Amino acid sequence: MDGPLVDVRARYYEVHRRIMIELGLPAVSPDPFWRLVRRDEPTEAFVPGGRAKHAERYARRFTELSECDDVLMLDEAQDDAAGALRSLKPLGESILITLRLNRPGAQDVMNRLDLSAYFLRVCGLSQSQGRREDQLRELAGDARRVLVVAGSEPVIIAAREVDLPVVGVTCGSRTPQNLRRAGADVLFADLDAVSIALATGAEEIQRAGLLPRGV
């Protein structure tokens, strides 16, 4: 959900800003903040001076605040996410998978952005790595061909553990290097690029073994 479909930058920054106010510290400006997020820097990097007591509170409060309903209102659809989903629809059924803890809030975001109708159903993935793998295995079932499109390492790792091919989408909160290390077979800048590549049988898709040659 986050990255391929939903732009979370404004929400993440608002949470950062609120925590800095609580701590009485200056907030990092938006662009440097987002670079820290994408590089998956340790919590201390977000807090001036990197003091451990502030970093611990920062991490706790970020988890608490990031899925509150009022900040979820800041989530926006990625450019032409709906168009990409329309293009993917003839290729098969889509299931939305998300690691968000606030599942009703995630559903509200999808409804507000008019993206829910493109999915057969929504699956909230467990916080447990082993259980995530079981869930993806169950979702795949006996389907002839299943592709996982993801913008986060935990989803990619779980998919690779159960031998599902993975496309990494790099417009979210992780760098291409992060997604490649996690095991993505091929990378695309956004969901629109994924839909075009799948529809046309692009060479990079075939090289990664995600489609047979000539399809």
N, C-alpha and C. Protein backbone atom coordinates (compact mmCIF):
# COMPACT_ATOMS: atom_id res chain seq x y z
N MET A 1 0.83 -1.20 0.00
CA MET A 1 0.00 0.00 0.00
C MET A 1 0.87 1.26 0.00
N ASP A 2 1.72 1.39 1.01
CA ASP A 2 2.54 2.60 1.15
C ASP A 2 3.69 2.58 0.15
N GLY A 3 3.78 3.60 -0.65
CA GLY A 3 4.80 3.68 -1.69
C GLY A 3 4.20 3.44 -3.05
N PRO A 4 3.89 2.19 -3.41
CA PRO A 4 3.30 1.95 -4.73
C PRO A 4 1.98 2.70 -4.95
N LEU A 5 1.12 2.73 -3.95
CA LEU A 5 -0.20 3.34 -4.10
C LEU A 5 -0.32 4.70 -3.42
N VAL A 6 0.23 4.80 -2.24
CA VAL A 6 -0.03 5.96 -1.38
C VAL A 6 1.26 6.70 -1.07
N ASP A 7 1.23 8.02 -1.27
CA ASP A 7 2.34 8.91 -0.94
C ASP A 7 2.21 9.30 0.53
N VAL A 8 3.17 8.86 1.34
CA VAL A 8 3.08 9.07 2.79
C VAL A 8 3.98 10.20 3.28
N ARG A 9 4.62 10.93 2.37
CA ARG A 9 5.61 11.91 2.80
C ARG A 9 5.05 12.97 3.73
N ALA A 10 3.89 13.52 3.40
CA ALA A 10 3.32 14.58 4.24
C ALA A 10 2.97 14.06 5.63
N ARG A 11 2.45 12.85 5.69
CA ARG A 11 2.08 12.26 6.99
C ARG A 11 3.32 12.02 7.85
N TYR A 12 4.33 11.41 7.26
CA TYR A 12 5.54 11.12 8.02
C TYR A 12 6.15 12.42 8.56
N TYR A 13 6.17 13.46 7.72
CA TYR A 13 6.80 14.70 8.17
C TYR A 13 5.98 15.36 9.26
N GLU A 14 4.66 15.32 9.16
CA GLU A 14 3.83 15.91 10.20
C GLU A 14 4.05 15.21 11.53
N VAL A 15 4.20 13.90 11.51
CA VAL A 15 4.49 13.16 12.75
C VAL A 15 5.84 13.61 13.31
N HIS A 16 6.83 13.72 12.46
CA HIS A 16 8.15 14.19 12.89
C HIS A 16 8.03 15.58 13.52
N ARG A 17 7.32 16.47 12.87
CA ARG A 17 7.17 17.84 13.37
C ARG A 17 6.52 17.87 14.75
N ARG A 18 5.48 17.06 14.92
CA ARG A 18 4.78 17.03 16.22
C ARG A 18 5.68 16.50 17.34
N ILE A 19 6.47 15.50 17.03
CA ILE A 19 7.35 14.94 18.05
C ILE A 19 8.43 15.94 18.43
N MET A 20 8.95 16.65 17.46
CA MET A 20 9.97 17.66 17.77
C MET A 20 9.40 18.76 18.66
N ILE A 21 8.14 19.12 18.44
CA ILE A 21 7.50 20.11 19.32
C ILE A 21 7.42 19.56 20.74
N GLU A 22 7.02 18.29 20.86
CA GLU A 22 6.94 17.67 22.18
C GLU A 22 8.29 17.66 22.89
N LEU A 23 9.35 17.41 22.12
CA LEU A 23 10.69 17.34 22.70
C LEU A 23 11.33 18.71 22.89
N GLY A 24 10.69 19.75 22.32
CA GLY A 24 11.26 21.08 22.41
C GLY A 24 12.51 21.24 21.58
N LEU A 25 12.54 20.54 20.45
CA LEU A 25 13.72 20.55 19.58
C LEU A 25 13.32 21.00 18.18
N PRO A 26 14.27 21.55 17.40
CA PRO A 26 13.94 21.97 16.03
C PRO A 26 13.75 20.76 15.12
N ALA A 27 12.78 20.86 14.23
CA ALA A 27 12.51 19.78 13.28
C ALA A 27 13.46 19.89 12.09
N VAL A 28 13.86 18.74 11.56
CA VAL A 28 14.58 18.70 10.31
C VAL A 28 13.63 19.18 9.22
N SER A 29 14.11 19.91 8.21
CA SER A 29 13.23 20.36 7.13
C SER A 29 12.80 19.16 6.27
N PRO A 30 11.70 19.30 5.50
CA PRO A 30 11.09 18.13 4.84
C PRO A 30 12.01 17.32 3.94
N ASP A 31 12.79 17.95 3.07
CA ASP A 31 13.60 17.17 2.14
C ASP A 31 14.70 16.36 2.84
N PRO A 32 15.49 16.98 3.73
CA PRO A 32 16.47 16.17 4.47
C PRO A 32 15.82 15.08 5.31
N PHE A 33 14.65 15.38 5.88
CA PHE A 33 13.94 14.37 6.67
C PHE A 33 13.61 13.16 5.80
N TRP A 34 13.08 13.40 4.60
CA TRP A 34 12.69 12.29 3.73
C TRP A 34 13.91 11.49 3.28
N ARG A 35 15.03 12.16 3.09
CA ARG A 35 16.25 11.42 2.73
C ARG A 35 16.67 10.49 3.86
N LEU A 36 16.55 10.95 5.10
CA LEU A 36 16.87 10.10 6.25
C LEU A 36 15.93 8.89 6.30
N VAL A 37 14.65 9.12 6.03
CA VAL A 37 13.68 8.02 6.02
C VAL A 37 14.06 7.00 4.97
N ARG A 38 14.31 7.46 3.76
CA ARG A 38 14.58 6.53 2.65
C ARG A 38 15.88 5.75 2.86
N ARG A 39 16.85 6.36 3.52
CA ARG A 39 18.10 5.64 3.79
C ARG A 39 17.98 4.72 4.99
N ASP A 40 16.82 4.75 5.66
CA ASP A 40 16.58 3.91 6.84
C ASP A 40 17.63 4.19 7.92
N GLU A 41 17.87 5.49 8.15
CA GLU A 41 18.84 5.89 9.15
C GLU A 41 18.34 5.55 10.55
N PRO A 42 19.25 5.33 11.51
CA PRO A 42 18.83 5.06 12.88
C PRO A 42 18.09 6.25 13.47
N THR A 43 17.28 5.98 14.47
CA THR A 43 16.43 7.02 15.07
C THR A 43 17.24 8.23 15.51
N GLU A 44 18.45 8.00 16.02
CA GLU A 44 19.26 9.10 16.52
C GLU A 44 19.51 10.17 15.46
N ALA A 45 19.49 9.79 14.19
CA ALA A 45 19.77 10.75 13.12
C ALA A 45 18.66 11.79 12.98
N PHE A 46 17.47 11.50 13.48
CA PHE A 46 16.34 12.43 13.35
C PHE A 46 16.29 13.43 14.50
N VAL A 47 17.10 13.20 15.52
CA VAL A 47 17.06 14.02 16.73
C VAL A 47 18.36 14.79 16.86
N PRO A 48 18.31 16.13 16.92
CA PRO A 48 19.54 16.92 17.05
C PRO A 48 20.37 16.44 18.25
N GLY A 49 21.64 16.21 18.00
CA GLY A 49 22.52 15.73 19.07
C GLY A 49 22.48 14.23 19.24
N GLY A 50 21.46 13.58 18.68
CA GLY A 50 21.37 12.12 18.75
C GLY A 50 21.30 11.55 20.15
N ARG A 51 20.76 12.32 21.09
CA ARG A 51 20.73 11.82 22.47
C ARG A 51 19.80 10.63 22.60
N ALA A 52 20.27 9.62 23.32
CA ALA A 52 19.56 8.34 23.40
C ALA A 52 18.18 8.49 24.01
N LYS A 53 18.03 9.33 25.04
CA LYS A 53 16.73 9.44 25.70
C LYS A 53 15.70 10.06 24.75
N HIS A 54 16.13 11.01 23.93
CA HIS A 54 15.23 11.61 22.95
C HIS A 54 14.93 10.63 21.82
N ALA A 55 15.94 9.89 21.40
CA ALA A 55 15.74 8.93 20.30
C ALA A 55 14.75 7.85 20.70
N GLU A 56 14.84 7.38 21.94
CA GLU A 56 13.92 6.34 22.40
C GLU A 56 12.48 6.85 22.40
N ARG A 57 12.29 8.07 22.91
CA ARG A 57 10.94 8.64 22.92
C ARG A 57 10.47 8.91 21.49
N TYR A 58 11.37 9.37 20.65
CA TYR A 58 11.01 9.65 19.26
C TYR A 58 10.48 8.39 18.59
N ALA A 59 11.19 7.28 18.74
CA ALA A 59 10.78 6.03 18.10
C ALA A 59 9.41 5.58 18.62
N ARG A 60 9.22 5.68 19.91
CA ARG A 60 7.94 5.26 20.50
C ARG A 60 6.79 6.13 20.00
N ARG A 61 7.00 7.43 20.01
CA ARG A 61 5.94 8.36 19.61
C ARG A 61 5.66 8.28 18.10
N PHE A 62 6.71 8.00 17.31
CA PHE A 62 6.47 7.88 15.87
C PHE A 62 5.52 6.72 15.59
N THR A 63 5.74 5.61 16.27
CA THR A 63 4.85 4.46 16.10
C THR A 63 3.43 4.80 16.56
N GLU A 64 3.31 5.52 17.67
CA GLU A 64 2.00 5.85 18.22
C GLU A 64 1.24 6.83 17.34
N LEU A 65 1.94 7.83 16.80
CA LEU A 65 1.27 8.91 16.07
C LEU A 65 1.05 8.62 14.59
N SER A 66 1.89 7.79 13.99
CA SER A 66 1.91 7.69 12.54
C SER A 66 0.64 7.09 11.94
N GLU A 67 -0.14 6.38 12.76
CA GLU A 67 -1.37 5.80 12.23
C GLU A 67 -2.63 6.37 12.90
N CYS A 68 -2.48 7.54 13.51
CA CYS A 68 -3.66 8.21 14.06
C CYS A 68 -4.54 8.71 12.90
N ASP A 69 -5.83 8.66 13.11
CA ASP A 69 -6.76 8.99 12.03
C ASP A 69 -6.56 10.39 11.49
N ASP A 70 -6.21 11.36 12.35
CA ASP A 70 -6.09 12.73 11.84
C ASP A 70 -4.90 12.89 10.91
N VAL A 71 -3.77 12.22 11.18
CA VAL A 71 -2.63 12.35 10.27
C VAL A 71 -2.79 11.48 9.03
N LEU A 72 -3.60 10.44 9.11
CA LEU A 72 -3.86 9.63 7.92
C LEU A 72 -4.56 10.45 6.84
N MET A 73 -5.21 11.53 7.24
CA MET A 73 -5.86 12.40 6.27
C MET A 73 -4.84 13.07 5.34
N LEU A 74 -3.57 13.04 5.70
CA LEU A 74 -2.53 13.65 4.87
C LEU A 74 -2.06 12.73 3.75
N ASP A 75 -2.39 11.46 3.82
CA ASP A 75 -1.99 10.53 2.76
C ASP A 75 -2.66 10.91 1.44
N GLU A 76 -1.89 10.83 0.37
CA GLU A 76 -2.42 11.11 -0.97
C GLU A 76 -2.07 9.97 -1.91
N ALA A 77 -2.87 9.81 -2.96
CA ALA A 77 -2.57 8.79 -3.96
C ALA A 77 -1.32 9.18 -4.74
N GLN A 78 -0.52 8.19 -5.09
CA GLN A 78 0.59 8.45 -6.00
C GLN A 78 0.03 8.87 -7.36
N ASP A 79 0.83 9.62 -8.10
CA ASP A 79 0.38 10.10 -9.42
C ASP A 79 -0.11 8.94 -10.28
N ASP A 80 -1.34 9.06 -10.75
CA ASP A 80 -1.96 8.10 -11.65
C ASP A 80 -2.00 6.67 -11.09
N ALA A 81 -2.11 6.54 -9.77
CA ALA A 81 -2.25 5.20 -9.19
C ALA A 81 -3.52 4.53 -9.71
N ALA A 82 -4.61 5.29 -9.80
CA ALA A 82 -5.86 4.72 -10.31
C ALA A 82 -5.71 4.26 -11.75
N GLY A 83 -5.03 5.05 -12.58
CA GLY A 83 -4.82 4.67 -13.97
C GLY A 83 -4.00 3.39 -14.08
N ALA A 84 -2.97 3.27 -13.24
CA ALA A 84 -2.15 2.06 -13.26
C ALA A 84 -2.97 0.84 -12.84
N LEU A 85 -3.81 1.00 -11.84
CA LEU A 85 -4.65 -0.11 -11.38
C LEU A 85 -5.66 -0.52 -12.45
N ARG A 86 -6.18 0.46 -13.17
CA ARG A 86 -7.09 0.13 -14.28
C ARG A 86 -6.37 -0.68 -15.34
N SER A 87 -5.12 -0.33 -15.61
CA SER A 87 -4.34 -1.06 -16.62
C SER A 87 -4.02 -2.48 -16.17
N LEU A 88 -3.85 -2.65 -14.87
CA LEU A 88 -3.52 -3.98 -14.35
C LEU A 88 -4.73 -4.91 -14.27
N LYS A 89 -5.92 -4.32 -14.20
CA LYS A 89 -7.12 -5.12 -13.96
C LYS A 89 -7.32 -6.25 -14.98
N PRO A 90 -7.10 -6.03 -16.29
CA PRO A 90 -7.29 -7.13 -17.24
C PRO A 90 -6.28 -8.27 -17.08
N LEU A 91 -5.19 -8.02 -16.37
CA LEU A 91 -4.13 -9.03 -16.23
C LEU A 91 -4.40 -10.02 -15.11
N GLY A 92 -5.36 -9.71 -14.23
CA GLY A 92 -5.66 -10.63 -13.13
C GLY A 92 -6.27 -9.90 -11.95
N GLU A 93 -6.59 -10.67 -10.92
CA GLU A 93 -7.20 -10.09 -9.72
C GLU A 93 -6.12 -9.49 -8.82
N SER A 94 -6.42 -8.35 -8.24
CA SER A 94 -5.48 -7.68 -7.35
C SER A 94 -5.97 -7.77 -5.90
N ILE A 95 -5.03 -8.08 -5.01
CA ILE A 95 -5.31 -8.09 -3.57
C ILE A 95 -4.38 -7.06 -2.93
N LEU A 96 -4.95 -6.19 -2.13
CA LEU A 96 -4.15 -5.17 -1.44
C LEU A 96 -3.58 -5.78 -0.17
N ILE A 97 -2.26 -5.68 0.00
CA ILE A 97 -1.63 -6.12 1.24
C ILE A 97 -1.01 -4.93 1.94
N THR A 98 -1.14 -4.90 3.26
CA THR A 98 -0.62 -3.77 4.02
C THR A 98 -0.11 -4.23 5.37
N LEU A 99 0.93 -3.55 5.85
CA LEU A 99 1.47 -3.79 7.18
C LEU A 99 0.93 -2.79 8.19
N ARG A 100 0.07 -1.90 7.76
CA ARG A 100 -0.45 -0.89 8.70
C ARG A 100 -1.20 -1.56 9.85
N LEU A 101 -1.04 -1.01 11.05
CA LEU A 101 -1.72 -1.54 12.22
C LEU A 101 -3.16 -1.04 12.31
N ASN A 102 -3.38 0.20 11.87
CA ASN A 102 -4.71 0.79 11.90
C ASN A 102 -5.44 0.38 10.61
N ARG A 103 -5.98 -0.83 10.61
CA ARG A 103 -6.59 -1.36 9.39
C ARG A 103 -7.84 -0.58 8.98
N PRO A 104 -8.73 -0.20 9.93
CA PRO A 104 -9.87 0.64 9.51
C PRO A 104 -9.40 1.96 8.92
N GLY A 105 -8.34 2.55 9.50
CA GLY A 105 -7.81 3.79 8.97
C GLY A 105 -7.24 3.61 7.57
N ALA A 106 -6.57 2.48 7.33
CA ALA A 106 -6.03 2.19 6.00
C ALA A 106 -7.16 2.05 4.98
N GLN A 107 -8.25 1.39 5.40
CA GLN A 107 -9.39 1.24 4.50
C GLN A 107 -10.02 2.59 4.20
N ASP A 108 -10.09 3.44 5.20
CA ASP A 108 -10.64 4.79 5.00
C ASP A 108 -9.80 5.57 3.99
N VAL A 109 -8.47 5.43 4.08
CA VAL A 109 -7.58 6.11 3.13
C VAL A 109 -7.87 5.62 1.72
N MET A 110 -7.96 4.31 1.55
CA MET A 110 -8.21 3.74 0.22
C MET A 110 -9.56 4.21 -0.33
N ASN A 111 -10.56 4.26 0.54
CA ASN A 111 -11.88 4.74 0.10
C ASN A 111 -11.83 6.20 -0.30
N ARG A 112 -11.15 7.02 0.53
CA ARG A 112 -11.07 8.46 0.25
C ARG A 112 -10.35 8.73 -1.07
N LEU A 113 -9.35 7.92 -1.37
CA LEU A 113 -8.57 8.12 -2.59
C LEU A 113 -9.17 7.41 -3.80
N ASP A 114 -10.35 6.80 -3.61
CA ASP A 114 -11.05 6.10 -4.69
C ASP A 114 -10.20 4.99 -5.31
N LEU A 115 -9.51 4.23 -4.45
CA LEU A 115 -8.67 3.14 -4.92
C LEU A 115 -9.19 1.76 -4.51
N SER A 116 -10.14 1.72 -3.59
CA SER A 116 -10.60 0.44 -3.05
C SER A 116 -11.22 -0.46 -4.11
N ALA A 117 -11.92 0.13 -5.07
CA ALA A 117 -12.69 -0.66 -6.03
C ALA A 117 -11.81 -1.53 -6.93
N TYR A 118 -10.53 -1.26 -6.97
CA TYR A 118 -9.65 -2.01 -7.86
C TYR A 118 -9.15 -3.32 -7.23
N PHE A 119 -9.51 -3.56 -5.97
CA PHE A 119 -8.99 -4.72 -5.27
C PHE A 119 -10.09 -5.70 -4.90
N LEU A 120 -9.78 -6.98 -5.08
CA LEU A 120 -10.71 -8.04 -4.71
C LEU A 120 -10.96 -8.03 -3.22
N ARG A 121 -9.90 -7.82 -2.45
CA ARG A 121 -10.00 -7.72 -1.00
C ARG A 121 -8.73 -7.11 -0.43
N VAL A 122 -8.77 -6.84 0.87
CA VAL A 122 -7.63 -6.27 1.58
C VAL A 122 -7.11 -7.31 2.57
N CYS A 123 -5.81 -7.47 2.63
CA CYS A 123 -5.20 -8.38 3.59
C CYS A 123 -4.22 -7.61 4.46
N GLY A 124 -4.47 -7.58 5.75
CA GLY A 124 -3.53 -6.98 6.69
C GLY A 124 -2.49 -8.01 7.07
N LEU A 125 -1.23 -7.72 6.77
CA LEU A 125 -0.16 -8.67 7.06
C LEU A 125 0.26 -8.59 8.53
N SER A 126 0.61 -9.73 9.08
CA SER A 126 1.03 -9.84 10.47
C SER A 126 2.33 -9.10 10.71
N GLN A 127 2.58 -8.73 11.96
CA GLN A 127 3.87 -8.17 12.35
C GLN A 127 4.92 -9.25 12.54
N SER A 128 4.50 -10.51 12.54
CA SER A 128 5.40 -11.64 12.68
C SER A 128 5.87 -12.10 11.30
N GLN A 129 7.20 -12.20 11.13
CA GLN A 129 7.75 -12.59 9.84
C GLN A 129 7.22 -13.96 9.39
N GLY A 130 7.23 -14.94 10.28
CA GLY A 130 6.76 -16.27 9.92
C GLY A 130 5.30 -16.27 9.52
N ARG A 131 4.49 -15.54 10.24
CA ARG A 131 3.07 -15.49 9.92
C ARG A 131 2.84 -14.76 8.60
N ARG A 132 3.63 -13.72 8.31
CA ARG A 132 3.52 -13.04 7.02
C ARG A 132 3.73 -14.02 5.88
N GLU A 133 4.75 -14.86 6.03
CA GLU A 133 5.03 -15.84 4.99
C GLU A 133 3.85 -16.78 4.80
N ASP A 134 3.26 -17.24 5.90
CA ASP A 134 2.10 -18.12 5.81
C ASP A 134 0.94 -17.42 5.10
N GLN A 135 0.73 -16.15 5.44
CA GLN A 135 -0.36 -15.41 4.81
C GLN A 135 -0.17 -15.28 3.30
N LEU A 136 1.05 -14.97 2.88
CA LEU A 136 1.31 -14.84 1.44
C LEU A 136 1.17 -16.18 0.74
N ARG A 137 1.59 -17.23 1.41
CA ARG A 137 1.44 -18.57 0.83
C ARG A 137 -0.04 -18.90 0.65
N GLU A 138 -0.84 -18.56 1.66
CA GLU A 138 -2.29 -18.81 1.58
C GLU A 138 -2.93 -17.96 0.48
N LEU A 139 -2.51 -16.71 0.37
CA LEU A 139 -3.07 -15.82 -0.66
C LEU A 139 -2.75 -16.34 -2.06
N ALA A 140 -1.54 -16.84 -2.24
CA ALA A 140 -1.15 -17.35 -3.56
C ALA A 140 -1.93 -18.61 -3.91
N GLY A 141 -2.12 -19.48 -2.94
CA GLY A 141 -2.88 -20.71 -3.16
C GLY A 141 -2.35 -21.49 -4.35
N ASP A 142 -3.27 -21.92 -5.19
CA ASP A 142 -2.90 -22.69 -6.39
C ASP A 142 -2.92 -21.84 -7.65
N ALA A 143 -2.88 -20.53 -7.48
CA ALA A 143 -2.92 -19.65 -8.66
C ALA A 143 -1.75 -19.95 -9.59
N ARG A 144 -2.01 -19.88 -10.89
CA ARG A 144 -0.98 -20.23 -11.87
C ARG A 144 0.19 -19.26 -11.83
N ARG A 145 -0.10 -17.99 -11.63
CA ARG A 145 0.97 -17.00 -11.64
C ARG A 145 0.59 -15.87 -10.69
N VAL A 146 1.47 -15.62 -9.73
CA VAL A 146 1.23 -14.58 -8.73
C VAL A 146 2.46 -13.68 -8.68
N LEU A 147 2.23 -12.37 -8.63
CA LEU A 147 3.31 -11.40 -8.57
C LEU A 147 3.06 -10.47 -7.39
N VAL A 148 4.09 -10.28 -6.57
CA VAL A 148 4.00 -9.35 -5.45
C VAL A 148 4.66 -8.03 -5.85
N VAL A 149 3.93 -6.94 -5.71
CA VAL A 149 4.46 -5.60 -6.00
C VAL A 149 4.55 -4.86 -4.67
N ALA A 150 5.76 -4.46 -4.29
CA ALA A 150 5.94 -3.96 -2.92
C ALA A 150 6.95 -2.83 -2.86
N GLY A 151 6.81 -2.01 -1.82
CA GLY A 151 7.74 -0.90 -1.60
C GLY A 151 8.42 -0.97 -0.24
N SER A 152 8.35 -2.13 0.44
CA SER A 152 8.97 -2.24 1.76
C SER A 152 9.68 -3.58 1.90
N GLU A 153 10.75 -3.57 2.65
CA GLU A 153 11.56 -4.77 2.81
C GLU A 153 10.82 -5.94 3.46
N PRO A 154 10.03 -5.75 4.53
CA PRO A 154 9.39 -6.91 5.16
C PRO A 154 8.50 -7.70 4.21
N VAL A 155 7.77 -6.99 3.34
CA VAL A 155 6.89 -7.68 2.38
C VAL A 155 7.74 -8.44 1.35
N ILE A 156 8.79 -7.80 0.86
CA ILE A 156 9.65 -8.44 -0.14
C ILE A 156 10.31 -9.68 0.44
N ILE A 157 10.84 -9.57 1.64
CA ILE A 157 11.52 -10.71 2.27
C ILE A 157 10.56 -11.88 2.45
N ALA A 158 9.34 -11.58 2.93
CA ALA A 158 8.36 -12.65 3.12
C ALA A 158 7.99 -13.31 1.80
N ALA A 159 7.83 -12.50 0.75
CA ALA A 159 7.47 -13.05 -0.55
C ALA A 159 8.58 -13.94 -1.11
N ARG A 160 9.82 -13.52 -0.96
CA ARG A 160 10.93 -14.32 -1.46
C ARG A 160 11.06 -15.64 -0.69
N GLU A 161 10.74 -15.61 0.61
CA GLU A 161 10.82 -16.82 1.41
C GLU A 161 9.84 -17.90 0.94
N VAL A 162 8.74 -17.46 0.31
CA VAL A 162 7.76 -18.44 -0.18
C VAL A 162 7.79 -18.54 -1.71
N ASP A 163 8.93 -18.09 -2.28
CA ASP A 163 9.20 -18.26 -3.71
C ASP A 163 8.21 -17.54 -4.62
N LEU A 164 7.75 -16.36 -4.19
CA LEU A 164 6.91 -15.54 -5.05
C LEU A 164 7.77 -14.46 -5.70
N PRO A 165 7.62 -14.24 -7.00
CA PRO A 165 8.40 -13.18 -7.66
C PRO A 165 7.96 -11.80 -7.17
N VAL A 166 8.92 -10.89 -7.10
CA VAL A 166 8.67 -9.58 -6.51
C VAL A 166 9.16 -8.45 -7.41
N VAL A 167 8.27 -7.48 -7.65
CA VAL A 167 8.64 -6.21 -8.25
C VAL A 167 8.75 -5.18 -7.13
N GLY A 168 9.88 -4.50 -7.05
CA GLY A 168 10.05 -3.43 -6.08
C GLY A 168 9.69 -2.09 -6.70
N VAL A 169 8.93 -1.27 -5.98
CA VAL A 169 8.54 0.06 -6.44
C VAL A 169 9.27 1.09 -5.58
N THR A 170 10.02 1.97 -6.21
CA THR A 170 11.00 2.79 -5.49
C THR A 170 10.54 4.20 -5.14
N CYS A 171 9.26 4.52 -5.36
CA CYS A 171 8.82 5.90 -5.08
C CYS A 171 8.37 6.09 -3.63
N GLY A 172 8.51 5.06 -2.80
CA GLY A 172 8.07 5.15 -1.41
C GLY A 172 9.20 5.52 -0.46
N SER A 173 9.16 4.91 0.71
CA SER A 173 10.06 5.31 1.78
C SER A 173 11.37 4.53 1.82
N ARG A 174 11.66 3.74 0.77
CA ARG A 174 12.90 2.98 0.74
C ARG A 174 13.63 3.20 -0.58
N THR A 175 14.95 3.20 -0.51
CA THR A 175 15.76 3.42 -1.71
C THR A 175 15.78 2.15 -2.56
N PRO A 176 16.15 2.28 -3.84
CA PRO A 176 16.31 1.09 -4.66
C PRO A 176 17.28 0.08 -4.05
N GLN A 177 18.35 0.58 -3.43
CA GLN A 177 19.33 -0.33 -2.82
C GLN A 177 18.68 -1.16 -1.71
N ASN A 178 17.84 -0.51 -0.89
CA ASN A 178 17.14 -1.24 0.18
C ASN A 178 16.30 -2.37 -0.40
N LEU A 179 15.54 -2.05 -1.44
CA LEU A 179 14.62 -3.03 -2.01
C LEU A 179 15.36 -4.15 -2.73
N ARG A 180 16.45 -3.80 -3.39
CA ARG A 180 17.25 -4.82 -4.05
C ARG A 180 17.86 -5.77 -3.03
N ARG A 181 18.41 -5.22 -1.95
CA ARG A 181 19.00 -6.09 -0.91
C ARG A 181 17.95 -7.01 -0.30
N ALA A 182 16.72 -6.53 -0.19
CA ALA A 182 15.66 -7.35 0.40
C ALA A 182 15.27 -8.51 -0.50
N GLY A 183 15.59 -8.42 -1.80
CA GLY A 183 15.33 -9.54 -2.69
C GLY A 183 14.43 -9.25 -3.87
N ALA A 184 14.12 -7.98 -4.15
CA ALA A 184 13.27 -7.67 -5.31
C ALA A 184 13.94 -8.15 -6.59
N ASP A 185 13.15 -8.79 -7.45
CA ASP A 185 13.68 -9.32 -8.71
C ASP A 185 13.98 -8.22 -9.72
N VAL A 186 13.15 -7.19 -9.71
CA VAL A 186 13.31 -6.08 -10.65
C VAL A 186 12.70 -4.84 -10.00
N LEU A 187 13.19 -3.66 -10.37
CA LEU A 187 12.73 -2.41 -9.76
C LEU A 187 12.10 -1.50 -10.81
N PHE A 188 11.04 -0.79 -10.39
CA PHE A 188 10.43 0.23 -11.23
C PHE A 188 10.17 1.46 -10.37
N ALA A 189 10.12 2.62 -11.04
CA ALA A 189 9.98 3.88 -10.32
C ALA A 189 8.61 4.05 -9.69
N ASP A 190 7.56 3.51 -10.34
CA ASP A 190 6.20 3.68 -9.81
C ASP A 190 5.30 2.58 -10.38
N LEU A 191 4.06 2.57 -9.90
CA LEU A 191 3.13 1.52 -10.31
C LEU A 191 2.75 1.66 -11.78
N ASP A 192 2.73 2.87 -12.28
CA ASP A 192 2.42 3.07 -13.69
C ASP A 192 3.45 2.36 -14.57
N ALA A 193 4.73 2.48 -14.22
CA ALA A 193 5.78 1.81 -14.97
C ALA A 193 5.64 0.29 -14.88
N VAL A 194 5.21 -0.20 -13.73
CA VAL A 194 4.97 -1.65 -13.57
C VAL A 194 3.86 -2.10 -14.51
N SER A 195 2.75 -1.35 -14.53
CA SER A 195 1.60 -1.76 -15.35
C SER A 195 1.97 -1.77 -16.84
N ILE A 196 2.74 -0.80 -17.28
CA ILE A 196 3.16 -0.75 -18.68
C ILE A 196 4.07 -1.94 -19.01
N ALA A 197 5.02 -2.23 -18.12
CA ALA A 197 5.95 -3.32 -18.36
C ALA A 197 5.23 -4.66 -18.42
N LEU A 198 4.27 -4.88 -17.54
CA LEU A 198 3.54 -6.14 -17.55
C LEU A 198 2.65 -6.27 -18.78
N ALA A 199 2.01 -5.17 -19.14
CA ALA A 199 1.10 -5.21 -20.28
C ALA A 199 1.84 -5.44 -21.60
N THR A 200 3.08 -4.97 -21.67
CA THR A 200 3.83 -5.06 -22.93
C THR A 200 4.85 -6.20 -22.93
N GLY A 201 4.95 -6.90 -21.79
CA GLY A 201 5.96 -7.96 -21.72
C GLY A 201 7.37 -7.43 -21.85
N ALA A 202 7.65 -6.34 -21.16
CA ALA A 202 8.94 -5.65 -21.28
C ALA A 202 10.11 -6.59 -21.01
N GLU A 203 11.23 -6.30 -21.67
CA GLU A 203 12.40 -7.16 -21.59
C GLU A 203 12.89 -7.34 -20.15
N GLU A 204 12.89 -6.27 -19.35
CA GLU A 204 13.37 -6.40 -17.97
C GLU A 204 12.49 -7.33 -17.14
N ILE A 205 11.20 -7.36 -17.46
CA ILE A 205 10.29 -8.29 -16.78
C ILE A 205 10.61 -9.72 -17.19
N GLN A 206 10.86 -9.93 -18.46
CA GLN A 206 11.19 -11.27 -18.93
C GLN A 206 12.55 -11.74 -18.41
N ARG A 207 13.53 -10.84 -18.40
CA ARG A 207 14.86 -11.21 -17.89
C ARG A 207 14.80 -11.65 -16.44
N ALA A 208 13.92 -11.01 -15.67
CA ALA A 208 13.80 -11.36 -14.24
C ALA A 208 13.01 -12.64 -14.04
N GLY A 209 12.47 -13.21 -15.13
CA GLY A 209 11.71 -14.45 -15.03
C GLY A 209 10.29 -14.26 -14.55
N LEU A 210 9.80 -13.01 -14.59
CA LEU A 210 8.44 -12.75 -14.11
C LEU A 210 7.40 -13.03 -15.17
N LEU A 211 7.81 -13.09 -16.42
CA LEU A 211 6.94 -13.49 -17.53
C LEU A 211 7.77 -14.38 -18.46
N PRO A 212 7.16 -15.39 -19.05
CA PRO A 212 7.90 -16.20 -20.02
C PRO A 212 8.26 -15.38 -21.25
N ARG A 213 9.32 -15.71 -21.89
CA ARG A 213 9.75 -15.01 -23.11
C ARG A 213 8.66 -15.07 -24.17
N GLY A 214 8.49 -13.90 -24.82
CA GLY A 214 7.51 -13.83 -25.91
C GLY A 214 6.10 -13.57 -25.47
N VAL A 215 5.84 -13.39 -24.14
CA VAL A 215 4.48 -13.12 -23.67
C VAL A 215 4.29 -11.62 -23.57
